[in-house]
Amino acid sequence: MDEAEQGRRHAWGEQGRVRRWAPAVVPVTLAVVGSGVLIAHTSQAAFTATTSAPGNSWTAAEIDLGGDLTGTAVFSPDQVVPGASGERCFQVRFTGSGAPVGPVRLYSDTFADTQGVADHLTVTVETAPERAAGAPADCTSFAGGTPVWSGTLRDLSTHGSYADGVAEWQPGATDGARQYRLSWRYSSTAPDSTQGGVAGAGLVWRTTTL
């Protein structure tokens, strides 16, 4: 082989090596370019949008029952004999801040009895619309009443919670009033065994927010 032929083969071999390695270089170059594109995308600033509701607060509702009752007993007679009776009239008023409420109900939260007096003492509850402004807070102002419950004092004592209260009426969200007439009568046939006995019950008028 002459020098010219050797030169051609040498040159061809170098070119062959270049061709054999060239394909391996291309993916590496593309990978680098691709990484550069990814970095440019993730480092770009994003668009944002927001809305807000500052200054939130909650104010509790207020409700109250009041009226003629001042936390004292409606009845406290003594020396009760068979056939005796009595009554008392008063008004219960509701005020509120606007929250919806349930009906006002009457129930007995305490009860005591000796010698069976409660079994011979009948209690009747009547209600009437709110009395006129300036009218006396007594039974002379009670008109248009409706009987809403009647039974012995022992019967009333079984209504011991708001859930099973009696004589209910529905006030408005901010105001309402109802007159009551409570009357009692000791049975004319009460036996001698009840002498000296004592019966008592606590009365509660209540409403509740819904």
N, C-alpha and C. Protein backbone atom coordinates (compact mmCIF):
# COMPACT_ATOMS: atom_id res chain seq x y z
N MET A 1 0.88 -1.20 0.00
CA MET A 1 0.00 0.00 0.00
C MET A 1 0.89 1.22 0.00
N ASP A 2 0.59 2.12 -0.96
CA ASP A 2 1.42 3.31 -1.05
C ASP A 2 0.97 4.33 -0.03
N GLU A 3 1.74 5.37 0.08
CA GLU A 3 1.48 6.40 1.08
C GLU A 3 0.16 7.12 0.82
N ALA A 4 -0.20 7.27 -0.44
CA ALA A 4 -1.46 7.96 -0.77
C ALA A 4 -2.65 7.17 -0.29
N GLU A 5 -2.56 5.77 -0.54
CA GLU A 5 -3.66 4.92 -0.12
C GLU A 5 -3.81 4.92 1.40
N GLN A 6 -2.67 4.84 2.10
CA GLN A 6 -2.71 4.87 3.56
C GLN A 6 -3.31 6.17 4.06
N GLY A 7 -3.02 7.24 3.41
CA GLY A 7 -3.58 8.54 3.83
C GLY A 7 -5.08 8.58 3.68
N ARG A 8 -5.56 7.99 2.55
CA ARG A 8 -7.02 7.98 2.36
C ARG A 8 -7.71 7.14 3.42
N ARG A 9 -7.10 5.94 3.70
CA ARG A 9 -7.72 5.07 4.72
C ARG A 9 -7.66 5.72 6.10
N HIS A 10 -6.61 6.40 6.41
CA HIS A 10 -6.50 7.08 7.69
C HIS A 10 -7.57 8.16 7.83
N ALA A 11 -7.70 8.88 6.73
CA ALA A 11 -8.73 9.94 6.77
C ALA A 11 -10.12 9.36 6.89
N TRP A 12 -10.37 8.24 6.17
CA TRP A 12 -11.69 7.58 6.25
C TRP A 12 -11.97 7.03 7.64
N GLY A 13 -10.91 6.47 8.26
CA GLY A 13 -11.09 5.96 9.62
C GLY A 13 -11.41 7.05 10.60
N GLU A 14 -10.84 8.19 10.51
CA GLU A 14 -11.14 9.30 11.41
C GLU A 14 -12.58 9.76 11.23
N GLN A 15 -12.96 9.83 9.93
CA GLN A 15 -14.34 10.25 9.66
C GLN A 15 -15.34 9.24 10.20
N GLY A 16 -14.93 7.91 10.06
CA GLY A 16 -15.82 6.86 10.60
C GLY A 16 -16.00 7.00 12.08
N ARG A 17 -14.94 7.31 12.80
CA ARG A 17 -15.07 7.46 14.23
C ARG A 17 -15.97 8.63 14.58
N VAL A 18 -15.82 9.68 13.83
CA VAL A 18 -16.69 10.84 14.07
C VAL A 18 -18.14 10.48 13.86
N ARG A 19 -18.40 9.74 12.79
CA ARG A 19 -19.78 9.35 12.51
C ARG A 19 -20.32 8.40 13.58
N ARG A 20 -19.42 7.49 14.05
CA ARG A 20 -19.90 6.56 15.07
C ARG A 20 -20.24 7.29 16.37
N TRP A 21 -19.54 8.32 16.78
CA TRP A 21 -19.76 9.03 18.04
C TRP A 21 -20.77 10.16 17.92
N ALA A 22 -20.98 10.63 16.69
CA ALA A 22 -21.86 11.79 16.52
C ALA A 22 -23.26 11.57 17.06
N PRO A 23 -23.91 10.40 16.84
CA PRO A 23 -25.26 10.21 17.37
C PRO A 23 -25.31 10.30 18.88
N ALA A 24 -24.32 9.93 19.62
CA ALA A 24 -24.34 10.00 21.07
C ALA A 24 -24.28 11.41 21.59
N VAL A 25 -23.77 12.31 20.80
CA VAL A 25 -23.65 13.70 21.24
C VAL A 25 -24.99 14.41 21.14
N VAL A 26 -25.81 14.06 20.19
CA VAL A 26 -27.07 14.78 19.94
C VAL A 26 -28.05 14.69 21.12
N PRO A 27 -28.34 13.51 21.69
CA PRO A 27 -29.28 13.46 22.82
C PRO A 27 -28.80 14.26 24.02
N VAL A 28 -27.50 14.24 24.26
CA VAL A 28 -26.97 15.02 25.37
C VAL A 28 -27.23 16.48 25.17
N THR A 29 -26.99 16.94 23.95
CA THR A 29 -27.23 18.36 23.64
C THR A 29 -28.70 18.71 23.80
N LEU A 30 -29.64 17.83 23.36
CA LEU A 30 -31.08 18.08 23.49
C LEU A 30 -31.50 18.09 24.95
N ALA A 31 -30.92 17.18 25.72
CA ALA A 31 -31.26 17.14 27.15
C ALA A 31 -30.88 18.42 27.85
N VAL A 32 -29.77 18.96 27.53
CA VAL A 32 -29.34 20.21 28.13
C VAL A 32 -30.26 21.34 27.72
N VAL A 33 -30.61 21.36 26.44
CA VAL A 33 -31.53 22.41 25.97
C VAL A 33 -32.89 22.27 26.65
N GLY A 34 -33.38 21.02 26.73
CA GLY A 34 -34.67 20.80 27.40
C GLY A 34 -34.66 21.25 28.84
N SER A 35 -33.61 20.97 29.58
CA SER A 35 -33.50 21.41 30.97
C SER A 35 -33.52 22.91 31.07
N GLY A 36 -32.89 23.53 30.16
CA GLY A 36 -32.90 25.00 30.17
C GLY A 36 -34.28 25.57 29.98
N VAL A 37 -35.09 24.95 29.12
CA VAL A 37 -36.47 25.40 28.91
C VAL A 37 -37.29 25.20 30.18
N LEU A 38 -37.14 24.06 30.86
CA LEU A 38 -37.88 23.78 32.08
C LEU A 38 -37.55 24.78 33.18
N ILE A 39 -36.31 25.08 33.37
CA ILE A 39 -35.90 26.04 34.39
C ILE A 39 -36.49 27.42 34.10
N ALA A 40 -36.50 27.79 32.88
CA ALA A 40 -37.05 29.10 32.52
C ALA A 40 -38.53 29.17 32.82
N HIS A 41 -39.27 28.05 32.66
CA HIS A 41 -40.71 28.03 32.90
C HIS A 41 -41.03 28.09 34.39
N THR A 42 -40.36 27.30 35.22
CA THR A 42 -40.67 27.25 36.64
C THR A 42 -40.23 28.49 37.39
N SER A 43 -39.30 29.22 36.89
CA SER A 43 -38.86 30.43 37.57
C SER A 43 -39.64 31.66 37.15
N GLN A 44 -40.60 31.49 36.25
CA GLN A 44 -41.39 32.63 35.78
C GLN A 44 -42.40 33.06 36.85
N ALA A 45 -42.67 34.33 37.11
CA ALA A 45 -43.65 34.82 38.07
C ALA A 45 -45.05 34.42 37.65
N ALA A 46 -45.97 34.07 38.67
CA ALA A 46 -47.33 33.62 38.38
C ALA A 46 -48.32 34.77 38.54
N PHE A 47 -49.45 34.68 37.82
CA PHE A 47 -50.56 35.60 38.02
C PHE A 47 -51.34 35.19 39.26
N THR A 48 -51.90 36.10 40.06
CA THR A 48 -52.71 35.78 41.24
C THR A 48 -53.95 36.65 41.29
N ALA A 49 -54.97 36.18 42.02
CA ALA A 49 -56.19 36.96 42.25
C ALA A 49 -56.72 36.58 43.63
N THR A 50 -57.23 37.52 44.40
CA THR A 50 -57.74 37.26 45.74
C THR A 50 -59.01 38.05 45.99
N THR A 51 -59.80 37.60 46.97
CA THR A 51 -60.91 38.37 47.51
C THR A 51 -60.90 38.16 49.01
N SER A 52 -61.45 39.06 49.80
CA SER A 52 -61.35 38.96 51.26
C SER A 52 -62.63 39.41 51.93
N ALA A 53 -62.77 39.04 53.21
CA ALA A 53 -63.93 39.44 54.02
C ALA A 53 -63.44 39.75 55.42
N PRO A 54 -62.87 40.92 55.65
CA PRO A 54 -62.32 41.26 56.97
C PRO A 54 -63.40 41.67 57.97
N GLY A 55 -63.01 41.72 59.24
CA GLY A 55 -63.87 42.30 60.27
C GLY A 55 -65.05 41.46 60.67
N ASN A 56 -64.97 40.13 60.59
CA ASN A 56 -66.09 39.28 60.98
C ASN A 56 -66.29 39.31 62.50
N SER A 57 -67.56 39.30 62.94
CA SER A 57 -67.85 39.29 64.38
C SER A 57 -69.21 38.65 64.62
N TRP A 58 -69.41 38.16 65.83
CA TRP A 58 -70.66 37.51 66.22
C TRP A 58 -71.18 38.14 67.52
N THR A 59 -72.46 38.51 67.53
CA THR A 59 -73.08 39.10 68.71
C THR A 59 -74.22 38.18 69.18
N ALA A 60 -74.17 37.75 70.41
CA ALA A 60 -75.17 36.82 70.93
C ALA A 60 -76.53 37.50 71.07
N ALA A 61 -77.58 36.74 70.85
CA ALA A 61 -78.94 37.24 71.01
C ALA A 61 -79.25 37.47 72.49
N GLU A 62 -80.25 38.29 72.75
CA GLU A 62 -80.71 38.54 74.11
C GLU A 62 -82.21 38.29 74.20
N ILE A 63 -82.64 37.55 75.22
CA ILE A 63 -84.06 37.34 75.46
C ILE A 63 -84.32 37.46 76.96
N ASP A 64 -85.55 37.87 77.30
CA ASP A 64 -85.88 38.07 78.71
C ASP A 64 -87.37 37.88 78.92
N LEU A 65 -87.72 37.28 80.06
CA LEU A 65 -89.11 37.20 80.49
C LEU A 65 -89.24 37.97 81.79
N GLY A 66 -90.21 38.84 81.83
CA GLY A 66 -90.44 39.64 83.02
C GLY A 66 -91.93 39.90 83.19
N GLY A 67 -92.25 41.02 83.78
CA GLY A 67 -93.65 41.37 83.98
C GLY A 67 -93.96 41.64 85.43
N ASP A 68 -95.16 41.23 85.85
CA ASP A 68 -95.62 41.54 87.20
C ASP A 68 -94.95 40.66 88.27
N LEU A 69 -94.50 39.49 87.89
CA LEU A 69 -93.87 38.60 88.87
C LEU A 69 -92.48 39.12 89.22
N THR A 70 -92.15 39.06 90.48
CA THR A 70 -90.87 39.61 90.94
C THR A 70 -90.05 38.55 91.68
N GLY A 71 -90.26 37.30 91.35
CA GLY A 71 -89.51 36.24 92.01
C GLY A 71 -90.09 35.81 93.34
N THR A 72 -91.33 36.22 93.64
CA THR A 72 -91.99 35.80 94.88
C THR A 72 -93.13 34.84 94.55
N ALA A 73 -93.66 34.19 95.55
CA ALA A 73 -94.72 33.21 95.35
C ALA A 73 -96.00 33.85 94.82
N VAL A 74 -96.68 33.13 93.94
CA VAL A 74 -97.99 33.58 93.47
C VAL A 74 -99.03 33.36 94.57
N PHE A 75 -98.94 32.24 95.25
CA PHE A 75 -99.86 31.92 96.35
C PHE A 75 -99.07 31.46 97.58
N SER A 76 -99.57 31.85 98.75
CA SER A 76 -99.02 31.31 100.00
C SER A 76 -100.06 31.37 101.12
N PRO A 77 -101.28 30.88 100.86
CA PRO A 77 -102.30 30.95 101.90
C PRO A 77 -102.06 29.91 102.99
N ASP A 78 -102.53 30.22 104.16
CA ASP A 78 -102.50 29.23 105.25
C ASP A 78 -103.91 29.11 105.82
N GLN A 79 -104.07 28.23 106.75
CA GLN A 79 -105.38 27.97 107.34
C GLN A 79 -106.42 27.60 106.26
N VAL A 80 -105.98 26.84 105.28
CA VAL A 80 -106.88 26.43 104.19
C VAL A 80 -107.80 25.32 104.68
N VAL A 81 -109.07 25.49 104.41
CA VAL A 81 -110.07 24.50 104.83
C VAL A 81 -110.79 23.96 103.59
N PRO A 82 -111.46 22.81 103.70
CA PRO A 82 -112.19 22.28 102.56
C PRO A 82 -113.17 23.32 101.98
N GLY A 83 -113.13 23.44 100.62
CA GLY A 83 -114.00 24.39 99.92
C GLY A 83 -113.37 25.75 99.72
N ALA A 84 -112.22 26.02 100.32
CA ALA A 84 -111.57 27.33 100.16
C ALA A 84 -111.03 27.48 98.73
N SER A 85 -110.89 28.73 98.27
CA SER A 85 -110.39 29.00 96.91
C SER A 85 -109.71 30.36 96.88
N GLY A 86 -109.04 30.61 95.79
CA GLY A 86 -108.38 31.90 95.61
C GLY A 86 -107.92 32.04 94.17
N GLU A 87 -107.53 33.25 93.79
CA GLU A 87 -107.04 33.50 92.43
C GLU A 87 -106.07 34.67 92.44
N ARG A 88 -105.27 34.74 91.40
CA ARG A 88 -104.37 35.87 91.22
C ARG A 88 -104.14 36.07 89.72
N CYS A 89 -104.10 37.34 89.33
CA CYS A 89 -103.87 37.68 87.92
C CYS A 89 -102.57 38.48 87.78
N PHE A 90 -101.88 38.24 86.71
CA PHE A 90 -100.61 38.93 86.45
C PHE A 90 -100.27 38.79 84.97
N GLN A 91 -99.26 39.51 84.57
CA GLN A 91 -98.85 39.49 83.16
C GLN A 91 -97.39 39.08 83.04
N VAL A 92 -97.10 38.30 82.03
CA VAL A 92 -95.72 37.90 81.71
C VAL A 92 -95.37 38.52 80.36
N ARG A 93 -94.22 39.22 80.32
CA ARG A 93 -93.81 39.91 79.08
C ARG A 93 -92.48 39.35 78.59
N PHE A 94 -92.41 39.20 77.27
CA PHE A 94 -91.17 38.77 76.61
C PHE A 94 -90.56 39.94 75.85
N THR A 95 -89.25 40.08 75.93
CA THR A 95 -88.51 41.02 75.07
C THR A 95 -87.31 40.29 74.51
N GLY A 96 -86.94 40.63 73.28
CA GLY A 96 -85.80 39.98 72.63
C GLY A 96 -85.15 40.89 71.62
N SER A 97 -83.98 40.47 71.16
CA SER A 97 -83.22 41.27 70.22
C SER A 97 -83.50 40.91 68.76
N GLY A 98 -84.38 39.93 68.53
CA GLY A 98 -84.76 39.59 67.17
C GLY A 98 -84.54 38.14 66.79
N ALA A 99 -83.86 37.36 67.61
CA ALA A 99 -83.66 35.95 67.31
C ALA A 99 -84.98 35.20 67.43
N PRO A 100 -85.25 34.24 66.55
CA PRO A 100 -86.49 33.47 66.68
C PRO A 100 -86.51 32.65 67.97
N VAL A 101 -87.67 32.60 68.59
CA VAL A 101 -87.81 31.88 69.86
C VAL A 101 -89.00 30.94 69.79
N GLY A 102 -88.98 29.97 70.70
CA GLY A 102 -90.09 29.05 70.83
C GLY A 102 -91.18 29.62 71.72
N PRO A 103 -92.25 28.86 71.96
CA PRO A 103 -93.35 29.36 72.79
C PRO A 103 -92.93 29.50 74.25
N VAL A 104 -93.64 30.37 74.95
CA VAL A 104 -93.50 30.46 76.41
C VAL A 104 -94.36 29.36 77.01
N ARG A 105 -93.77 28.59 77.93
CA ARG A 105 -94.50 27.51 78.59
C ARG A 105 -94.34 27.59 80.10
N LEU A 106 -95.32 27.08 80.79
CA LEU A 106 -95.32 27.02 82.25
C LEU A 106 -95.05 25.59 82.70
N TYR A 107 -94.16 25.44 83.69
CA TYR A 107 -93.95 24.12 84.27
C TYR A 107 -93.55 24.27 85.74
N SER A 108 -93.53 23.15 86.44
CA SER A 108 -93.19 23.14 87.87
C SER A 108 -91.81 22.56 88.05
N ASP A 109 -90.91 23.34 88.64
CA ASP A 109 -89.53 22.85 88.79
C ASP A 109 -89.26 22.23 90.16
N THR A 110 -90.15 22.47 91.13
CA THR A 110 -90.01 21.84 92.45
C THR A 110 -91.40 21.44 92.93
N PHE A 111 -91.44 20.46 93.83
CA PHE A 111 -92.73 19.99 94.33
C PHE A 111 -92.52 19.32 95.69
N ALA A 112 -93.47 19.57 96.58
CA ALA A 112 -93.45 18.92 97.89
C ALA A 112 -94.89 18.72 98.36
N ASP A 113 -95.12 17.66 99.09
CA ASP A 113 -96.48 17.41 99.59
C ASP A 113 -96.41 16.52 100.82
N THR A 114 -97.23 16.87 101.81
CA THR A 114 -97.39 16.00 102.97
C THR A 114 -98.87 15.73 103.17
N GLN A 115 -99.17 14.53 103.54
CA GLN A 115 -100.53 14.13 103.91
C GLN A 115 -101.54 14.23 102.76
N GLY A 116 -101.04 14.26 101.52
CA GLY A 116 -101.93 14.18 100.37
C GLY A 116 -102.68 15.45 100.03
N VAL A 117 -102.23 16.59 100.56
CA VAL A 117 -102.92 17.85 100.25
C VAL A 117 -102.96 18.10 98.75
N ALA A 118 -101.84 17.82 98.04
CA ALA A 118 -101.74 18.12 96.60
C ALA A 118 -102.77 17.37 95.78
N ASP A 119 -103.26 16.25 96.29
CA ASP A 119 -104.24 15.47 95.54
C ASP A 119 -105.64 16.07 95.62
N HIS A 120 -105.84 17.01 96.52
CA HIS A 120 -107.17 17.61 96.70
C HIS A 120 -107.17 19.10 96.38
N LEU A 121 -106.06 19.59 95.86
CA LEU A 121 -105.93 21.01 95.52
C LEU A 121 -105.93 21.14 93.99
N THR A 122 -106.99 21.73 93.46
CA THR A 122 -107.13 21.90 92.01
C THR A 122 -106.60 23.27 91.59
N VAL A 123 -105.79 23.28 90.52
CA VAL A 123 -105.23 24.53 89.98
C VAL A 123 -105.76 24.70 88.54
N THR A 124 -106.21 25.90 88.21
CA THR A 124 -106.68 26.22 86.86
C THR A 124 -105.90 27.39 86.31
N VAL A 125 -105.47 27.27 85.08
CA VAL A 125 -104.68 28.32 84.42
C VAL A 125 -105.49 28.86 83.24
N GLU A 126 -105.68 30.17 83.21
CA GLU A 126 -106.31 30.85 82.08
C GLU A 126 -105.35 31.91 81.55
N THR A 127 -105.44 32.19 80.25
CA THR A 127 -104.63 33.25 79.66
C THR A 127 -105.52 34.20 78.89
N ALA A 128 -105.02 35.42 78.72
CA ALA A 128 -105.75 36.45 77.98
C ALA A 128 -104.73 37.35 77.29
N PRO A 129 -105.17 38.10 76.26
CA PRO A 129 -104.24 39.01 75.58
C PRO A 129 -103.66 40.06 76.51
N GLU A 130 -102.60 40.69 76.06
CA GLU A 130 -101.93 41.75 76.83
C GLU A 130 -102.92 42.80 77.30
N ARG A 131 -102.81 43.22 78.54
CA ARG A 131 -103.72 44.24 79.06
C ARG A 131 -103.36 45.62 78.49
N ALA A 132 -104.33 46.49 78.54
CA ALA A 132 -104.14 47.84 78.00
C ALA A 132 -103.10 48.60 78.83
N ALA A 133 -102.40 49.49 78.17
CA ALA A 133 -101.40 50.30 78.86
C ALA A 133 -102.05 51.10 79.98
N GLY A 134 -101.46 51.07 81.16
CA GLY A 134 -101.98 51.81 82.31
C GLY A 134 -103.06 51.09 83.08
N ALA A 135 -103.50 49.93 82.60
CA ALA A 135 -104.54 49.18 83.31
C ALA A 135 -103.96 48.56 84.58
N PRO A 136 -104.76 48.37 85.62
CA PRO A 136 -104.26 47.80 86.88
C PRO A 136 -103.72 46.39 86.68
N ALA A 137 -102.67 46.09 87.42
CA ALA A 137 -102.05 44.77 87.33
C ALA A 137 -102.74 43.81 88.29
N ASP A 138 -104.03 43.59 88.05
CA ASP A 138 -104.81 42.67 88.88
C ASP A 138 -105.92 42.07 88.05
N CYS A 139 -106.80 41.33 88.69
CA CYS A 139 -107.82 40.61 87.94
C CYS A 139 -108.92 41.50 87.36
N THR A 140 -108.98 42.76 87.75
CA THR A 140 -109.97 43.66 87.14
C THR A 140 -109.63 43.95 85.68
N SER A 141 -108.38 43.71 85.29
CA SER A 141 -107.95 43.95 83.90
C SER A 141 -108.00 42.68 83.06
N PHE A 142 -108.32 41.57 83.70
CA PHE A 142 -108.31 40.30 82.98
C PHE A 142 -109.65 40.12 82.27
N ALA A 143 -109.60 40.12 80.93
CA ALA A 143 -110.83 39.97 80.15
C ALA A 143 -110.53 39.11 78.93
N GLY A 144 -111.55 38.37 78.51
CA GLY A 144 -111.38 37.51 77.33
C GLY A 144 -110.47 36.34 77.57
N GLY A 145 -110.46 35.85 78.80
CA GLY A 145 -109.57 34.74 79.15
C GLY A 145 -110.03 33.40 78.59
N THR A 146 -109.05 32.52 78.40
CA THR A 146 -109.32 31.17 77.91
C THR A 146 -108.66 30.15 78.84
N PRO A 147 -109.42 29.17 79.35
CA PRO A 147 -108.81 28.12 80.17
C PRO A 147 -107.82 27.31 79.31
N VAL A 148 -106.59 27.13 79.79
CA VAL A 148 -105.58 26.39 79.02
C VAL A 148 -105.05 25.17 79.75
N TRP A 149 -105.29 25.08 81.05
CA TRP A 149 -104.89 23.89 81.79
C TRP A 149 -105.62 23.84 83.12
N SER A 150 -105.94 22.62 83.56
CA SER A 150 -106.56 22.44 84.87
C SER A 150 -106.25 21.03 85.36
N GLY A 151 -105.97 20.93 86.64
CA GLY A 151 -105.66 19.63 87.24
C GLY A 151 -105.26 19.83 88.68
N THR A 152 -104.96 18.75 89.36
CA THR A 152 -104.50 18.88 90.74
C THR A 152 -103.06 19.40 90.75
N LEU A 153 -102.66 19.88 91.91
CA LEU A 153 -101.28 20.34 92.04
C LEU A 153 -100.30 19.19 91.78
N ARG A 154 -100.70 17.99 92.15
CA ARG A 154 -99.83 16.85 91.86
C ARG A 154 -99.72 16.63 90.35
N ASP A 155 -100.83 16.80 89.64
CA ASP A 155 -100.79 16.69 88.18
C ASP A 155 -99.81 17.72 87.58
N LEU A 156 -99.90 18.95 88.07
CA LEU A 156 -99.02 20.00 87.55
C LEU A 156 -97.56 19.67 87.81
N SER A 157 -97.29 19.01 88.93
CA SER A 157 -95.90 18.69 89.27
C SER A 157 -95.28 17.70 88.29
N THR A 158 -96.11 16.98 87.54
CA THR A 158 -95.57 16.03 86.56
C THR A 158 -95.07 16.73 85.31
N HIS A 159 -95.43 17.99 85.15
CA HIS A 159 -94.91 18.80 84.05
C HIS A 159 -93.67 19.52 84.58
N GLY A 160 -92.56 18.81 84.58
CA GLY A 160 -91.37 19.29 85.29
C GLY A 160 -90.28 19.86 84.43
N SER A 161 -90.55 20.14 83.16
CA SER A 161 -89.52 20.71 82.30
C SER A 161 -90.18 21.51 81.18
N TYR A 162 -89.36 22.27 80.49
CA TYR A 162 -89.88 23.07 79.38
C TYR A 162 -90.48 22.18 78.30
N ALA A 163 -89.88 21.03 78.07
CA ALA A 163 -90.33 20.15 77.00
C ALA A 163 -91.79 19.72 77.18
N ASP A 164 -92.22 19.54 78.43
CA ASP A 164 -93.61 19.13 78.66
C ASP A 164 -94.40 20.20 79.42
N GLY A 165 -94.02 21.47 79.21
CA GLY A 165 -94.73 22.57 79.85
C GLY A 165 -96.14 22.73 79.31
N VAL A 166 -96.93 23.55 79.99
CA VAL A 166 -98.34 23.75 79.63
C VAL A 166 -98.60 25.24 79.40
N ALA A 167 -99.84 25.52 78.97
CA ALA A 167 -100.31 26.91 78.81
C ALA A 167 -99.39 27.73 77.93
N GLU A 168 -99.01 27.19 76.79
CA GLU A 168 -98.02 27.89 75.96
C GLU A 168 -98.64 28.98 75.10
N TRP A 169 -97.83 29.97 74.79
CA TRP A 169 -98.18 31.03 73.83
C TRP A 169 -96.91 31.47 73.12
N GLN A 170 -97.08 31.98 71.91
CA GLN A 170 -95.93 32.31 71.07
C GLN A 170 -95.70 33.82 71.01
N PRO A 171 -94.59 34.29 71.57
CA PRO A 171 -94.27 35.72 71.45
C PRO A 171 -93.64 36.01 70.09
N GLY A 172 -93.52 37.30 69.77
CA GLY A 172 -92.78 37.70 68.58
C GLY A 172 -91.29 37.62 68.84
N ALA A 173 -90.50 37.98 67.83
CA ALA A 173 -89.05 37.90 67.97
C ALA A 173 -88.49 38.98 68.89
N THR A 174 -89.24 40.08 69.06
CA THR A 174 -88.73 41.17 69.89
C THR A 174 -89.66 41.54 71.04
N ASP A 175 -90.93 41.10 71.00
CA ASP A 175 -91.85 41.55 72.05
C ASP A 175 -93.08 40.65 72.09
N GLY A 176 -93.72 40.62 73.24
CA GLY A 176 -94.97 39.90 73.40
C GLY A 176 -95.35 39.83 74.86
N ALA A 177 -96.64 39.74 75.15
CA ALA A 177 -97.10 39.67 76.53
C ALA A 177 -98.39 38.88 76.59
N ARG A 178 -98.61 38.26 77.75
CA ARG A 178 -99.82 37.47 77.97
C ARG A 178 -100.22 37.60 79.42
N GLN A 179 -101.54 37.80 79.65
CA GLN A 179 -102.06 37.82 81.01
C GLN A 179 -102.39 36.39 81.45
N TYR A 180 -102.20 36.16 82.74
CA TYR A 180 -102.55 34.87 83.34
C TYR A 180 -103.50 35.10 84.51
N ARG A 181 -104.42 34.17 84.65
CA ARG A 181 -105.20 34.09 85.88
C ARG A 181 -105.04 32.66 86.40
N LEU A 182 -104.40 32.55 87.57
CA LEU A 182 -104.24 31.26 88.24
C LEU A 182 -105.23 31.21 89.40
N SER A 183 -106.02 30.18 89.43
CA SER A 183 -106.98 30.01 90.52
C SER A 183 -106.81 28.62 91.14
N TRP A 184 -107.16 28.53 92.40
CA TRP A 184 -107.05 27.26 93.09
C TRP A 184 -108.31 27.01 93.93
N ARG A 185 -108.56 25.76 94.19
CA ARG A 185 -109.70 25.40 95.04
C ARG A 185 -109.35 24.14 95.79
N TYR A 186 -109.56 24.18 97.10
CA TYR A 186 -109.31 22.99 97.94
C TYR A 186 -110.62 22.21 98.02
N SER A 187 -110.58 20.96 97.70
CA SER A 187 -111.78 20.14 97.59
C SER A 187 -112.63 20.17 98.87
N SER A 188 -113.92 20.31 98.65
CA SER A 188 -114.84 20.31 99.80
C SER A 188 -114.94 18.94 100.43
N THR A 189 -114.41 17.93 99.74
CA THR A 189 -114.45 16.57 100.29
C THR A 189 -113.07 16.09 100.75
N ALA A 190 -112.15 17.02 100.94
CA ALA A 190 -110.82 16.65 101.42
C ALA A 190 -110.95 15.94 102.76
N PRO A 191 -110.32 14.80 102.94
CA PRO A 191 -110.50 14.03 104.18
C PRO A 191 -109.75 14.64 105.37
N ASP A 192 -110.15 14.20 106.55
CA ASP A 192 -109.49 14.67 107.77
C ASP A 192 -108.00 14.36 107.79
N SER A 193 -107.62 13.33 107.06
CA SER A 193 -106.20 12.94 107.05
C SER A 193 -105.28 13.99 106.44
N THR A 194 -105.87 14.97 105.75
CA THR A 194 -105.03 16.02 105.15
C THR A 194 -104.78 17.18 106.11
N GLN A 195 -105.42 17.18 107.27
CA GLN A 195 -105.24 18.29 108.21
C GLN A 195 -103.76 18.47 108.56
N GLY A 196 -103.32 19.72 108.55
CA GLY A 196 -101.95 20.05 108.91
C GLY A 196 -100.94 19.76 107.81
N GLY A 197 -101.40 19.22 106.68
CA GLY A 197 -100.49 18.94 105.57
C GLY A 197 -100.09 20.21 104.82
N VAL A 198 -99.02 20.10 104.07
CA VAL A 198 -98.51 21.24 103.28
C VAL A 198 -98.18 20.74 101.87
N ALA A 199 -98.63 21.49 100.88
CA ALA A 199 -98.29 21.19 99.48
C ALA A 199 -97.68 22.44 98.86
N GLY A 200 -96.71 22.26 98.02
CA GLY A 200 -96.08 23.41 97.39
C GLY A 200 -95.46 23.04 96.06
N ALA A 201 -95.32 24.03 95.20
CA ALA A 201 -94.70 23.82 93.88
C ALA A 201 -94.07 25.13 93.41
N GLY A 202 -92.94 25.02 92.75
CA GLY A 202 -92.33 26.18 92.11
C GLY A 202 -92.84 26.29 90.69
N LEU A 203 -93.20 27.49 90.27
CA LEU A 203 -93.73 27.72 88.93
C LEU A 203 -92.70 28.47 88.09
N VAL A 204 -92.50 28.01 86.86
CA VAL A 204 -91.52 28.61 85.97
C VAL A 204 -92.15 28.88 84.61
N TRP A 205 -91.96 30.08 84.11
CA TRP A 205 -92.33 30.41 82.73
C TRP A 205 -91.05 30.53 81.94
N ARG A 206 -91.00 29.88 80.82
CA ARG A 206 -89.73 29.84 80.08
C ARG A 206 -89.95 29.83 78.58
N THR A 207 -89.02 30.42 77.86
CA THR A 207 -88.92 30.27 76.41
C THR A 207 -87.47 30.01 76.06
N THR A 208 -87.21 29.71 74.81
CA THR A 208 -85.85 29.40 74.40
C THR A 208 -85.65 29.78 72.93
N THR A 209 -84.45 30.15 72.58
CA THR A 209 -84.17 30.45 71.18
C THR A 209 -84.20 29.17 70.37
N LEU A 210 -84.52 29.31 69.10
CA LEU A 210 -84.60 28.15 68.20
C LEU A 210 -83.27 27.93 67.51
